[in-house]
Amino acid sequence: METDSTQDTSTIEKLMWEIYEYVKQRHAPVYEGGATAAEAVYLQELARRTKAGVVAEIGFNVGFSAMAFLEGLPEVKVVSFEIDRRISVDLAKEFIDARYPDRHELVLGNSLDTLPRYAEDKREQPDLVFVDGGHDYDVAYADIQNSRKIAKPGAIVVVDDMVPWRPWGVGPHEAWYEAVKRGLVEPIEYVSDGVVVDEIAEPADRAWATGRFTAL
């Protein structure tokens, strides 16, 4: 008999392929990678553990992480901040809306602008935030700072791409540890290829950090 974890992984992998095929069959190029199955299952479980009512994510791409959160709980709502409206983004949004009607919001534009505007609008505050946007240090750090402003006090935050041995991982890695140093985030755990570890180190393919926002 399959365990719940095995069933979750099987379901997530199937849905990831469905989204990907939905986009590719309509001849839309996919320019960036997305969450792995291990990461998507982790995000799904995190949504369940935190009983999140609202999740915010910086970076939507083809919707893998959004789908993981939406699969986690039947009532959770997800707001995704994405820099531009590529064809692949529109198609992934179509897929998400068809499967999870009225539970997903897509905010287009540079997160350096859209996150502060979201905070000013006094919208519903997320319980959980996933930071997977721009990979330059300045952008990654600003995304953490601005996410803290839109989230509930003590909200959970996950920062992706904590792989400084890869070019795209240097900025998020430095931004995370600077946020910890400045007291914006309290670390909870580090995850390397789906396994909780004491310290992230090579040769992990995907790694991320989970923490809790401190009070403003």
N, C-alpha and C. Protein backbone atom coordinates (compact mmCIF):
# COMPACT_ATOMS: atom_id res chain seq x y z
N MET A 1 0.85 -1.20 0.00
CA MET A 1 0.00 0.00 0.00
C MET A 1 0.88 1.25 0.00
N GLU A 2 0.50 2.24 -0.80
CA GLU A 2 1.27 3.48 -0.86
C GLU A 2 1.06 4.29 0.41
N THR A 3 2.11 4.95 0.87
CA THR A 3 1.98 5.88 1.98
C THR A 3 1.38 7.17 1.45
N ASP A 4 0.90 8.02 2.38
CA ASP A 4 0.35 9.31 1.97
C ASP A 4 1.40 10.12 1.22
N SER A 5 2.66 10.05 1.69
CA SER A 5 3.72 10.80 1.03
C SER A 5 3.92 10.32 -0.39
N THR A 6 3.90 9.00 -0.59
CA THR A 6 4.07 8.44 -1.93
C THR A 6 2.91 8.85 -2.82
N GLN A 7 1.71 8.82 -2.27
CA GLN A 7 0.54 9.23 -3.04
C GLN A 7 0.62 10.70 -3.41
N ASP A 8 1.05 11.53 -2.47
CA ASP A 8 1.21 12.96 -2.74
C ASP A 8 2.20 13.19 -3.87
N THR A 9 3.34 12.48 -3.80
CA THR A 9 4.37 12.65 -4.82
C THR A 9 3.84 12.24 -6.18
N SER A 10 3.13 11.11 -6.22
CA SER A 10 2.56 10.63 -7.48
C SER A 10 1.57 11.63 -8.06
N THR A 11 0.71 12.18 -7.19
CA THR A 11 -0.28 13.15 -7.65
C THR A 11 0.38 14.43 -8.13
N ILE A 12 1.36 14.92 -7.37
CA ILE A 12 2.06 16.15 -7.74
C ILE A 12 2.79 15.98 -9.06
N GLU A 13 3.50 14.87 -9.22
CA GLU A 13 4.24 14.65 -10.46
C GLU A 13 3.30 14.60 -11.66
N LYS A 14 2.16 13.94 -11.48
CA LYS A 14 1.17 13.86 -12.57
C LYS A 14 0.66 15.24 -12.94
N LEU A 15 0.35 16.06 -11.95
CA LEU A 15 -0.16 17.40 -12.22
C LEU A 15 0.91 18.30 -12.85
N MET A 16 2.15 18.15 -12.41
CA MET A 16 3.24 18.93 -13.01
C MET A 16 3.38 18.62 -14.49
N TRP A 17 3.30 17.33 -14.82
CA TRP A 17 3.37 16.95 -16.23
C TRP A 17 2.16 17.48 -17.00
N GLU A 18 0.99 17.47 -16.37
CA GLU A 18 -0.21 17.96 -17.05
C GLU A 18 -0.10 19.45 -17.37
N ILE A 19 0.38 20.23 -16.40
CA ILE A 19 0.56 21.67 -16.65
C ILE A 19 1.59 21.88 -17.75
N TYR A 20 2.71 21.18 -17.63
CA TYR A 20 3.79 21.34 -18.62
C TYR A 20 3.29 20.99 -20.02
N GLU A 21 2.57 19.86 -20.16
CA GLU A 21 2.06 19.45 -21.47
C GLU A 21 1.01 20.43 -21.98
N TYR A 22 0.20 20.96 -21.08
CA TYR A 22 -0.82 21.94 -21.47
C TYR A 22 -0.15 23.15 -22.12
N VAL A 23 0.95 23.58 -21.53
CA VAL A 23 1.67 24.74 -22.05
C VAL A 23 2.40 24.40 -23.36
N LYS A 24 3.13 23.29 -23.38
CA LYS A 24 3.95 22.94 -24.54
C LYS A 24 3.10 22.58 -25.75
N GLN A 25 1.95 21.92 -25.54
CA GLN A 25 1.11 21.55 -26.67
C GLN A 25 0.51 22.75 -27.37
N ARG A 26 0.53 23.88 -26.70
CA ARG A 26 0.04 25.13 -27.30
C ARG A 26 1.20 25.97 -27.81
N HIS A 27 2.35 25.31 -27.95
CA HIS A 27 3.54 25.88 -28.59
C HIS A 27 4.08 27.12 -27.87
N ALA A 28 3.95 27.10 -26.56
CA ALA A 28 4.49 28.21 -25.77
C ALA A 28 5.85 27.80 -25.20
N PRO A 29 6.88 28.59 -25.41
CA PRO A 29 8.19 28.26 -24.85
C PRO A 29 8.19 28.42 -23.33
N VAL A 30 8.91 27.53 -22.65
CA VAL A 30 9.09 27.61 -21.20
C VAL A 30 10.55 27.96 -20.97
N TYR A 31 10.80 29.17 -20.48
CA TYR A 31 12.16 29.69 -20.41
C TYR A 31 12.88 29.36 -19.11
N GLU A 32 12.15 29.03 -18.07
CA GLU A 32 12.78 28.83 -16.77
C GLU A 32 12.37 27.48 -16.20
N GLY A 33 13.12 27.03 -15.21
CA GLY A 33 12.76 25.81 -14.52
C GLY A 33 11.66 26.08 -13.51
N GLY A 34 11.25 25.04 -12.83
CA GLY A 34 10.22 25.18 -11.81
C GLY A 34 10.57 24.30 -10.63
N ALA A 35 9.68 24.21 -9.69
CA ALA A 35 9.89 23.37 -8.52
C ALA A 35 10.02 21.91 -8.95
N THR A 36 10.89 21.18 -8.26
CA THR A 36 10.95 19.74 -8.45
C THR A 36 9.78 19.09 -7.72
N ALA A 37 9.56 17.81 -7.99
CA ALA A 37 8.48 17.11 -7.30
C ALA A 37 8.72 17.09 -5.79
N ALA A 38 9.97 16.89 -5.38
CA ALA A 38 10.29 16.87 -3.94
C ALA A 38 9.97 18.21 -3.29
N GLU A 39 10.30 19.30 -3.99
CA GLU A 39 10.02 20.61 -3.43
C GLU A 39 8.52 20.88 -3.42
N ALA A 40 7.83 20.50 -4.48
CA ALA A 40 6.38 20.72 -4.55
C ALA A 40 5.66 19.97 -3.43
N VAL A 41 6.08 18.74 -3.16
CA VAL A 41 5.46 17.97 -2.07
C VAL A 41 5.76 18.64 -0.73
N TYR A 42 6.98 19.14 -0.56
CA TYR A 42 7.32 19.85 0.67
C TYR A 42 6.42 21.07 0.86
N LEU A 43 6.21 21.84 -0.20
CA LEU A 43 5.36 23.03 -0.11
C LEU A 43 3.91 22.65 0.18
N GLN A 44 3.45 21.58 -0.43
CA GLN A 44 2.10 21.09 -0.16
C GLN A 44 1.94 20.73 1.32
N GLU A 45 2.90 19.99 1.84
CA GLU A 45 2.84 19.59 3.25
C GLU A 45 2.97 20.79 4.18
N LEU A 46 3.77 21.77 3.79
CA LEU A 46 3.93 22.97 4.61
C LEU A 46 2.63 23.75 4.69
N ALA A 47 1.92 23.84 3.59
CA ALA A 47 0.61 24.50 3.60
C ALA A 47 -0.33 23.79 4.56
N ARG A 48 -0.28 22.47 4.56
CA ARG A 48 -1.14 21.70 5.46
C ARG A 48 -0.74 21.91 6.91
N ARG A 49 0.57 21.83 7.19
CA ARG A 49 1.04 21.94 8.57
C ARG A 49 0.71 23.30 9.17
N THR A 50 0.81 24.32 8.36
CA THR A 50 0.57 25.68 8.85
C THR A 50 -0.90 26.07 8.77
N LYS A 51 -1.71 25.19 8.15
CA LYS A 51 -3.14 25.48 7.96
C LYS A 51 -3.33 26.85 7.31
N ALA A 52 -2.53 27.11 6.29
CA ALA A 52 -2.53 28.41 5.64
C ALA A 52 -3.87 28.71 4.98
N GLY A 53 -4.36 29.92 5.21
CA GLY A 53 -5.56 30.37 4.52
C GLY A 53 -5.21 31.10 3.23
N VAL A 54 -4.10 31.84 3.28
CA VAL A 54 -3.61 32.58 2.11
C VAL A 54 -2.11 32.33 1.98
N VAL A 55 -1.69 32.02 0.77
CA VAL A 55 -0.27 31.85 0.46
C VAL A 55 0.11 32.87 -0.60
N ALA A 56 1.26 33.50 -0.42
CA ALA A 56 1.81 34.39 -1.45
C ALA A 56 3.09 33.76 -1.99
N GLU A 57 3.27 33.87 -3.28
CA GLU A 57 4.52 33.38 -3.87
C GLU A 57 5.05 34.44 -4.83
N ILE A 58 6.36 34.64 -4.78
CA ILE A 58 7.02 35.53 -5.72
C ILE A 58 7.66 34.66 -6.77
N GLY A 59 7.09 34.70 -7.96
CA GLY A 59 7.49 33.82 -9.05
C GLY A 59 6.42 32.78 -9.30
N PHE A 60 5.83 32.80 -10.50
CA PHE A 60 4.76 31.86 -10.87
C PHE A 60 5.20 30.93 -11.99
N ASN A 61 5.81 31.46 -13.03
CA ASN A 61 6.32 30.71 -14.18
C ASN A 61 5.22 29.83 -14.76
N VAL A 62 5.30 28.49 -14.62
CA VAL A 62 4.25 27.63 -15.15
C VAL A 62 3.42 26.98 -14.04
N GLY A 63 3.46 27.56 -12.85
CA GLY A 63 2.48 27.21 -11.83
C GLY A 63 2.73 25.99 -10.98
N PHE A 64 3.94 25.42 -11.01
CA PHE A 64 4.19 24.20 -10.22
C PHE A 64 3.99 24.44 -8.73
N SER A 65 4.59 25.50 -8.20
CA SER A 65 4.48 25.74 -6.76
C SER A 65 3.08 26.19 -6.38
N ALA A 66 2.44 27.01 -7.22
CA ALA A 66 1.06 27.42 -6.95
C ALA A 66 0.15 26.20 -6.85
N MET A 67 0.33 25.27 -7.79
CA MET A 67 -0.46 24.05 -7.79
C MET A 67 -0.22 23.24 -6.52
N ALA A 68 1.03 23.18 -6.06
CA ALA A 68 1.35 22.43 -4.85
C ALA A 68 0.60 23.00 -3.65
N PHE A 69 0.61 24.32 -3.50
CA PHE A 69 -0.10 24.94 -2.39
C PHE A 69 -1.61 24.68 -2.48
N LEU A 70 -2.15 24.83 -3.68
CA LEU A 70 -3.59 24.67 -3.88
C LEU A 70 -4.04 23.23 -3.65
N GLU A 71 -3.16 22.28 -3.92
CA GLU A 71 -3.46 20.88 -3.65
C GLU A 71 -3.39 20.58 -2.15
N GLY A 72 -2.65 21.41 -1.42
CA GLY A 72 -2.43 21.13 -0.01
C GLY A 72 -3.67 21.21 0.84
N LEU A 73 -4.49 22.23 0.58
CA LEU A 73 -5.70 22.44 1.38
C LEU A 73 -6.84 22.85 0.45
N PRO A 74 -8.05 22.37 0.71
CA PRO A 74 -9.15 22.65 -0.22
C PRO A 74 -9.62 24.10 -0.23
N GLU A 75 -9.31 24.85 0.82
CA GLU A 75 -9.80 26.22 0.91
C GLU A 75 -8.71 27.28 0.74
N VAL A 76 -7.45 26.86 0.67
CA VAL A 76 -6.37 27.83 0.61
C VAL A 76 -6.45 28.65 -0.68
N LYS A 77 -6.11 29.91 -0.57
CA LYS A 77 -6.02 30.79 -1.74
C LYS A 77 -4.57 31.19 -1.94
N VAL A 78 -4.18 31.34 -3.20
CA VAL A 78 -2.80 31.66 -3.54
C VAL A 78 -2.77 32.93 -4.39
N VAL A 79 -1.89 33.85 -4.03
CA VAL A 79 -1.63 35.02 -4.86
C VAL A 79 -0.19 34.94 -5.34
N SER A 80 -0.03 34.96 -6.67
CA SER A 80 1.29 34.82 -7.28
C SER A 80 1.72 36.14 -7.89
N PHE A 81 2.95 36.53 -7.59
CA PHE A 81 3.54 37.74 -8.16
C PHE A 81 4.51 37.31 -9.26
N GLU A 82 4.23 37.73 -10.48
CA GLU A 82 5.04 37.33 -11.64
C GLU A 82 5.42 38.57 -12.43
N ILE A 83 6.65 38.59 -12.92
CA ILE A 83 7.17 39.83 -13.51
C ILE A 83 6.50 40.20 -14.83
N ASP A 84 6.15 39.21 -15.67
CA ASP A 84 5.55 39.59 -16.96
C ASP A 84 4.56 38.53 -17.43
N ARG A 85 3.83 38.89 -18.45
CA ARG A 85 2.77 38.03 -19.00
C ARG A 85 3.30 37.31 -20.24
N ARG A 86 4.11 36.31 -20.03
CA ARG A 86 4.54 35.45 -21.13
C ARG A 86 3.37 34.53 -21.50
N ILE A 87 3.44 33.97 -22.71
CA ILE A 87 2.38 33.06 -23.14
C ILE A 87 2.29 31.88 -22.18
N SER A 88 3.45 31.37 -21.76
CA SER A 88 3.45 30.22 -20.85
C SER A 88 2.78 30.57 -19.52
N VAL A 89 2.95 31.79 -19.06
CA VAL A 89 2.31 32.24 -17.81
C VAL A 89 0.79 32.26 -17.98
N ASP A 90 0.31 32.82 -19.08
CA ASP A 90 -1.13 32.87 -19.33
C ASP A 90 -1.74 31.47 -19.41
N LEU A 91 -1.03 30.56 -20.08
CA LEU A 91 -1.55 29.20 -20.23
C LEU A 91 -1.56 28.46 -18.90
N ALA A 92 -0.51 28.63 -18.12
CA ALA A 92 -0.48 28.00 -16.80
C ALA A 92 -1.59 28.55 -15.91
N LYS A 93 -1.85 29.85 -16.03
CA LYS A 93 -2.94 30.47 -15.28
C LYS A 93 -4.29 29.86 -15.69
N GLU A 94 -4.48 29.63 -16.98
CA GLU A 94 -5.70 28.99 -17.47
C GLU A 94 -5.88 27.62 -16.81
N PHE A 95 -4.80 26.84 -16.78
CA PHE A 95 -4.85 25.50 -16.19
C PHE A 95 -5.21 25.57 -14.71
N ILE A 96 -4.53 26.47 -13.98
CA ILE A 96 -4.78 26.63 -12.55
C ILE A 96 -6.22 27.04 -12.28
N ASP A 97 -6.72 27.99 -13.05
CA ASP A 97 -8.09 28.48 -12.83
C ASP A 97 -9.13 27.40 -13.12
N ALA A 98 -8.86 26.56 -14.12
CA ALA A 98 -9.81 25.49 -14.46
C ALA A 98 -9.87 24.44 -13.34
N ARG A 99 -8.73 24.15 -12.72
CA ARG A 99 -8.69 23.12 -11.68
C ARG A 99 -9.06 23.67 -10.31
N TYR A 100 -8.72 24.93 -10.06
CA TYR A 100 -8.95 25.54 -8.74
C TYR A 100 -9.69 26.87 -8.92
N PRO A 101 -10.92 26.85 -9.35
CA PRO A 101 -11.63 28.10 -9.66
C PRO A 101 -11.74 29.03 -8.45
N ASP A 102 -11.49 30.30 -8.71
CA ASP A 102 -11.65 31.38 -7.73
C ASP A 102 -10.70 31.26 -6.53
N ARG A 103 -9.61 30.54 -6.71
CA ARG A 103 -8.68 30.38 -5.59
C ARG A 103 -7.29 30.90 -5.91
N HIS A 104 -7.09 31.45 -7.09
CA HIS A 104 -5.76 31.91 -7.47
C HIS A 104 -5.84 33.31 -8.07
N GLU A 105 -4.90 34.15 -7.62
CA GLU A 105 -4.78 35.51 -8.15
C GLU A 105 -3.37 35.69 -8.70
N LEU A 106 -3.27 36.27 -9.87
CA LEU A 106 -1.98 36.54 -10.50
C LEU A 106 -1.76 38.04 -10.57
N VAL A 107 -0.69 38.51 -9.94
CA VAL A 107 -0.33 39.93 -9.94
C VAL A 107 0.89 40.09 -10.84
N LEU A 108 0.73 40.84 -11.92
CA LEU A 108 1.81 40.99 -12.89
C LEU A 108 2.59 42.28 -12.64
N GLY A 109 3.89 42.20 -12.85
CA GLY A 109 4.76 43.36 -12.69
C GLY A 109 5.98 43.03 -11.86
N ASN A 110 6.90 43.96 -11.81
CA ASN A 110 8.12 43.78 -11.03
C ASN A 110 7.78 43.72 -9.54
N SER A 111 8.23 42.68 -8.86
CA SER A 111 7.91 42.52 -7.44
C SER A 111 8.42 43.67 -6.58
N LEU A 112 9.45 44.38 -7.08
CA LEU A 112 9.94 45.55 -6.34
C LEU A 112 8.87 46.63 -6.26
N ASP A 113 7.92 46.59 -7.21
CA ASP A 113 6.81 47.55 -7.22
C ASP A 113 5.51 46.92 -6.70
N THR A 114 5.23 45.68 -7.13
CA THR A 114 3.92 45.10 -6.84
C THR A 114 3.77 44.69 -5.38
N LEU A 115 4.83 44.23 -4.75
CA LEU A 115 4.72 43.85 -3.33
C LEU A 115 4.43 45.06 -2.44
N PRO A 116 5.16 46.18 -2.59
CA PRO A 116 4.82 47.36 -1.79
C PRO A 116 3.40 47.86 -2.04
N ARG A 117 2.93 47.80 -3.29
CA ARG A 117 1.56 48.24 -3.59
C ARG A 117 0.56 47.33 -2.90
N TYR A 118 0.83 46.04 -2.92
CA TYR A 118 -0.04 45.07 -2.25
C TYR A 118 -0.13 45.39 -0.75
N ALA A 119 1.00 45.74 -0.17
CA ALA A 119 1.02 46.09 1.26
C ALA A 119 0.21 47.36 1.51
N GLU A 120 0.34 48.34 0.63
CA GLU A 120 -0.39 49.60 0.79
C GLU A 120 -1.90 49.40 0.67
N ASP A 121 -2.30 48.43 -0.15
CA ASP A 121 -3.74 48.18 -0.36
C ASP A 121 -4.40 47.47 0.81
N LYS A 122 -3.58 47.06 1.81
CA LYS A 122 -4.11 46.40 3.00
C LYS A 122 -4.92 45.16 2.63
N ARG A 123 -4.38 44.38 1.72
CA ARG A 123 -5.04 43.14 1.30
C ARG A 123 -4.92 42.09 2.39
N GLU A 124 -5.61 40.96 2.19
CA GLU A 124 -5.57 39.87 3.15
C GLU A 124 -4.13 39.38 3.30
N GLN A 125 -3.67 39.23 4.53
CA GLN A 125 -2.27 38.92 4.78
C GLN A 125 -2.00 37.42 4.67
N PRO A 126 -0.95 37.04 3.96
CA PRO A 126 -0.61 35.62 3.82
C PRO A 126 -0.08 35.02 5.13
N ASP A 127 -0.37 33.73 5.30
CA ASP A 127 0.17 32.96 6.41
C ASP A 127 1.50 32.32 6.03
N LEU A 128 1.74 32.22 4.72
CA LEU A 128 2.89 31.51 4.19
C LEU A 128 3.35 32.22 2.93
N VAL A 129 4.66 32.39 2.79
CA VAL A 129 5.22 33.08 1.63
C VAL A 129 6.34 32.23 1.03
N PHE A 130 6.34 32.12 -0.29
CA PHE A 130 7.39 31.39 -1.01
C PHE A 130 8.12 32.39 -1.90
N VAL A 131 9.40 32.58 -1.65
CA VAL A 131 10.21 33.56 -2.40
C VAL A 131 11.04 32.83 -3.44
N ASP A 132 10.67 33.01 -4.70
CA ASP A 132 11.36 32.35 -5.81
C ASP A 132 11.30 33.25 -7.04
N GLY A 133 11.70 34.51 -6.84
CA GLY A 133 11.63 35.49 -7.92
C GLY A 133 12.99 35.77 -8.52
N GLY A 134 13.36 37.05 -8.56
CA GLY A 134 14.66 37.43 -9.12
C GLY A 134 15.80 36.88 -8.28
N HIS A 135 16.90 36.52 -8.94
CA HIS A 135 17.99 35.84 -8.26
C HIS A 135 19.18 36.74 -7.93
N ASP A 136 19.15 37.98 -8.36
CA ASP A 136 20.19 38.92 -7.91
C ASP A 136 20.00 39.19 -6.43
N TYR A 137 21.10 39.44 -5.73
CA TYR A 137 21.02 39.67 -4.29
C TYR A 137 20.03 40.78 -3.95
N ASP A 138 20.14 41.93 -4.62
CA ASP A 138 19.29 43.08 -4.28
C ASP A 138 17.81 42.75 -4.42
N VAL A 139 17.45 42.03 -5.48
CA VAL A 139 16.05 41.68 -5.70
C VAL A 139 15.59 40.64 -4.68
N ALA A 140 16.41 39.61 -4.45
CA ALA A 140 16.03 38.57 -3.50
C ALA A 140 15.86 39.14 -2.09
N TYR A 141 16.76 40.02 -1.70
CA TYR A 141 16.66 40.60 -0.36
C TYR A 141 15.42 41.51 -0.26
N ALA A 142 15.18 42.30 -1.31
CA ALA A 142 13.99 43.16 -1.31
C ALA A 142 12.71 42.33 -1.26
N ASP A 143 12.70 41.19 -1.96
CA ASP A 143 11.52 40.33 -1.94
C ASP A 143 11.26 39.79 -0.53
N ILE A 144 12.33 39.44 0.19
CA ILE A 144 12.15 38.98 1.57
C ILE A 144 11.62 40.12 2.43
N GLN A 145 12.25 41.29 2.32
CA GLN A 145 11.81 42.46 3.10
C GLN A 145 10.34 42.79 2.82
N ASN A 146 10.01 42.89 1.55
CA ASN A 146 8.65 43.30 1.17
C ASN A 146 7.62 42.22 1.48
N SER A 147 8.01 40.95 1.39
CA SER A 147 7.10 39.87 1.75
C SER A 147 6.75 39.94 3.23
N ARG A 148 7.72 40.28 4.04
CA ARG A 148 7.48 40.42 5.48
C ARG A 148 6.43 41.49 5.76
N LYS A 149 6.40 42.53 4.92
CA LYS A 149 5.45 43.62 5.12
C LYS A 149 4.02 43.24 4.74
N ILE A 150 3.87 42.28 3.81
CA ILE A 150 2.52 41.90 3.40
C ILE A 150 1.98 40.73 4.22
N ALA A 151 2.87 40.02 4.92
CA ALA A 151 2.49 38.78 5.60
C ALA A 151 1.97 39.05 7.01
N LYS A 152 1.27 38.06 7.55
CA LYS A 152 0.85 38.12 8.95
C LYS A 152 2.08 38.08 9.86
N PRO A 153 2.00 38.66 11.03
CA PRO A 153 3.11 38.54 11.99
C PRO A 153 3.40 37.06 12.27
N GLY A 154 4.66 36.69 12.17
CA GLY A 154 5.03 35.30 12.43
C GLY A 154 4.75 34.34 11.29
N ALA A 155 4.42 34.87 10.11
CA ALA A 155 4.16 34.01 8.96
C ALA A 155 5.40 33.20 8.59
N ILE A 156 5.16 32.05 7.97
CA ILE A 156 6.25 31.19 7.52
C ILE A 156 6.74 31.69 6.16
N VAL A 157 8.06 31.64 5.94
CA VAL A 157 8.64 32.04 4.67
C VAL A 157 9.61 30.97 4.20
N VAL A 158 9.56 30.67 2.91
CA VAL A 158 10.48 29.74 2.28
C VAL A 158 11.23 30.49 1.20
N VAL A 159 12.55 30.41 1.23
CA VAL A 159 13.39 31.03 0.19
C VAL A 159 14.03 29.92 -0.63
N ASP A 160 13.78 29.94 -1.93
CA ASP A 160 14.27 28.89 -2.82
C ASP A 160 15.66 29.22 -3.36
N ASP A 161 16.24 28.22 -4.02
CA ASP A 161 17.53 28.37 -4.72
C ASP A 161 18.66 28.75 -3.79
N MET A 162 18.75 28.06 -2.67
CA MET A 162 19.84 28.27 -1.72
C MET A 162 21.03 27.40 -2.12
N VAL A 163 21.53 27.64 -3.33
CA VAL A 163 22.62 26.83 -3.89
C VAL A 163 23.73 27.76 -4.39
N PRO A 164 24.54 28.31 -3.51
CA PRO A 164 25.52 29.31 -3.92
C PRO A 164 26.62 28.78 -4.83
N TRP A 165 26.74 27.47 -4.99
CA TRP A 165 27.70 26.90 -5.93
C TRP A 165 27.18 26.94 -7.37
N ARG A 166 25.96 27.42 -7.54
CA ARG A 166 25.41 27.64 -8.88
C ARG A 166 25.18 29.15 -9.06
N PRO A 167 25.36 29.67 -10.26
CA PRO A 167 25.28 31.13 -10.46
C PRO A 167 23.98 31.75 -9.96
N TRP A 168 22.85 31.05 -10.17
CA TRP A 168 21.55 31.61 -9.78
C TRP A 168 21.27 31.46 -8.28
N GLY A 169 22.14 30.77 -7.56
CA GLY A 169 21.89 30.57 -6.15
C GLY A 169 22.65 31.50 -5.23
N VAL A 170 23.59 32.26 -5.78
CA VAL A 170 24.41 33.15 -4.94
C VAL A 170 23.55 34.24 -4.29
N GLY A 171 22.74 34.91 -5.09
CA GLY A 171 21.94 36.02 -4.58
C GLY A 171 20.94 35.60 -3.50
N PRO A 172 20.09 34.57 -3.77
CA PRO A 172 19.15 34.14 -2.74
C PRO A 172 19.83 33.67 -1.46
N HIS A 173 20.95 32.96 -1.58
CA HIS A 173 21.69 32.47 -0.42
C HIS A 173 22.17 33.63 0.45
N GLU A 174 22.79 34.63 -0.18
CA GLU A 174 23.29 35.79 0.56
C GLU A 174 22.14 36.60 1.14
N ALA A 175 21.05 36.71 0.39
CA ALA A 175 19.89 37.48 0.87
C ALA A 175 19.27 36.83 2.11
N TRP A 176 19.15 35.51 2.09
CA TRP A 176 18.59 34.80 3.24
C TRP A 176 19.42 35.06 4.50
N TYR A 177 20.73 34.86 4.39
CA TYR A 177 21.56 35.00 5.58
C TYR A 177 21.66 36.44 6.05
N GLU A 178 21.53 37.39 5.13
CA GLU A 178 21.49 38.80 5.54
C GLU A 178 20.19 39.09 6.29
N ALA A 179 19.08 38.51 5.80
CA ALA A 179 17.80 38.71 6.48
C ALA A 179 17.82 38.10 7.87
N VAL A 180 18.46 36.95 8.00
CA VAL A 180 18.60 36.32 9.32
C VAL A 180 19.46 37.19 10.23
N LYS A 181 20.58 37.67 9.69
CA LYS A 181 21.50 38.51 10.45
C LYS A 181 20.81 39.77 10.97
N ARG A 182 19.95 40.35 10.13
CA ARG A 182 19.27 41.59 10.50
C ARG A 182 18.00 41.36 11.32
N GLY A 183 17.71 40.12 11.60
CA GLY A 183 16.57 39.82 12.45
C GLY A 183 15.22 39.87 11.77
N LEU A 184 15.18 39.79 10.44
CA LEU A 184 13.90 39.79 9.73
C LEU A 184 13.25 38.41 9.76
N VAL A 185 14.11 37.39 9.84
CA VAL A 185 13.65 36.00 9.74
C VAL A 185 14.32 35.17 10.82
N GLU A 186 13.56 34.27 11.42
CA GLU A 186 14.12 33.27 12.34
C GLU A 186 14.15 31.93 11.61
N PRO A 187 15.31 31.33 11.41
CA PRO A 187 15.38 30.06 10.67
C PRO A 187 14.65 28.94 11.40
N ILE A 188 14.03 28.07 10.63
CA ILE A 188 13.37 26.88 11.17
C ILE A 188 14.09 25.62 10.70
N GLU A 189 14.28 25.51 9.37
CA GLU A 189 14.97 24.33 8.84
C GLU A 189 15.52 24.61 7.45
N TYR A 190 16.48 23.77 7.08
CA TYR A 190 17.07 23.82 5.75
C TYR A 190 16.81 22.49 5.07
N VAL A 191 16.50 22.53 3.78
CA VAL A 191 16.12 21.33 3.05
C VAL A 191 16.97 21.21 1.79
N SER A 192 17.56 20.04 1.62
CA SER A 192 18.42 19.77 0.47
C SER A 192 17.85 18.58 -0.29
N ASP A 193 17.39 18.83 -1.53
CA ASP A 193 16.78 17.78 -2.36
C ASP A 193 15.70 17.01 -1.60
N GLY A 194 14.89 17.75 -0.85
CA GLY A 194 13.75 17.17 -0.16
C GLY A 194 14.05 16.60 1.21
N VAL A 195 15.30 16.66 1.65
CA VAL A 195 15.69 16.10 2.94
C VAL A 195 16.12 17.23 3.88
N VAL A 196 15.57 17.25 5.09
CA VAL A 196 15.96 18.26 6.07
C VAL A 196 17.40 18.00 6.51
N VAL A 197 18.22 19.05 6.48
CA VAL A 197 19.64 18.94 6.81
C VAL A 197 20.01 20.02 7.82
N ASP A 198 21.15 19.81 8.49
CA ASP A 198 21.65 20.82 9.42
C ASP A 198 22.23 22.02 8.68
N GLU A 199 22.83 21.74 7.53
CA GLU A 199 23.47 22.80 6.75
C GLU A 199 23.42 22.43 5.28
N ILE A 200 23.07 23.39 4.44
CA ILE A 200 23.02 23.15 3.01
C ILE A 200 24.44 23.14 2.44
N ALA A 201 24.74 22.14 1.64
CA ALA A 201 26.08 22.03 1.08
C ALA A 201 26.02 21.31 -0.26
N GLU A 202 27.06 21.48 -1.04
CA GLU A 202 27.17 20.75 -2.30
C GLU A 202 27.12 19.25 -2.03
N PRO A 203 26.66 18.46 -2.99
CA PRO A 203 26.31 18.81 -4.37
C PRO A 203 24.80 18.87 -4.59
N ALA A 204 24.03 19.39 -3.66
CA ALA A 204 22.57 19.42 -3.79
C ALA A 204 22.15 20.08 -5.10
N ASP A 205 21.13 19.51 -5.71
CA ASP A 205 20.58 20.09 -6.93
C ASP A 205 19.63 21.23 -6.61
N ARG A 206 18.72 20.99 -5.64
CA ARG A 206 17.80 22.03 -5.19
C ARG A 206 17.86 22.10 -3.67
N ALA A 207 17.86 23.29 -3.15
CA ALA A 207 17.89 23.49 -1.69
C ALA A 207 17.12 24.76 -1.36
N TRP A 208 16.51 24.75 -0.19
CA TRP A 208 15.74 25.92 0.23
C TRP A 208 15.77 26.04 1.74
N ALA A 209 15.41 27.23 2.20
CA ALA A 209 15.40 27.54 3.63
C ALA A 209 14.00 27.93 4.05
N THR A 210 13.61 27.47 5.24
CA THR A 210 12.30 27.80 5.79
C THR A 210 12.49 28.52 7.11
N GLY A 211 11.76 29.59 7.30
CA GLY A 211 11.86 30.34 8.54
C GLY A 211 10.54 30.99 8.91
N ARG A 212 10.60 31.83 9.91
CA ARG A 212 9.43 32.56 10.38
C ARG A 212 9.75 34.05 10.40
N PHE A 213 8.88 34.85 9.82
CA PHE A 213 9.09 36.30 9.87
C PHE A 213 8.95 36.80 11.30
N THR A 214 9.86 37.68 11.69
CA THR A 214 9.74 38.34 12.98
C THR A 214 8.72 39.47 12.86
N ALA A 215 8.26 39.98 13.98
CA ALA A 215 7.29 41.06 13.97
C ALA A 215 7.92 42.33 13.45
N LEU A 216 7.12 43.12 12.74
CA LEU A 216 7.61 44.42 12.22
C LEU A 216 7.80 45.40 13.37
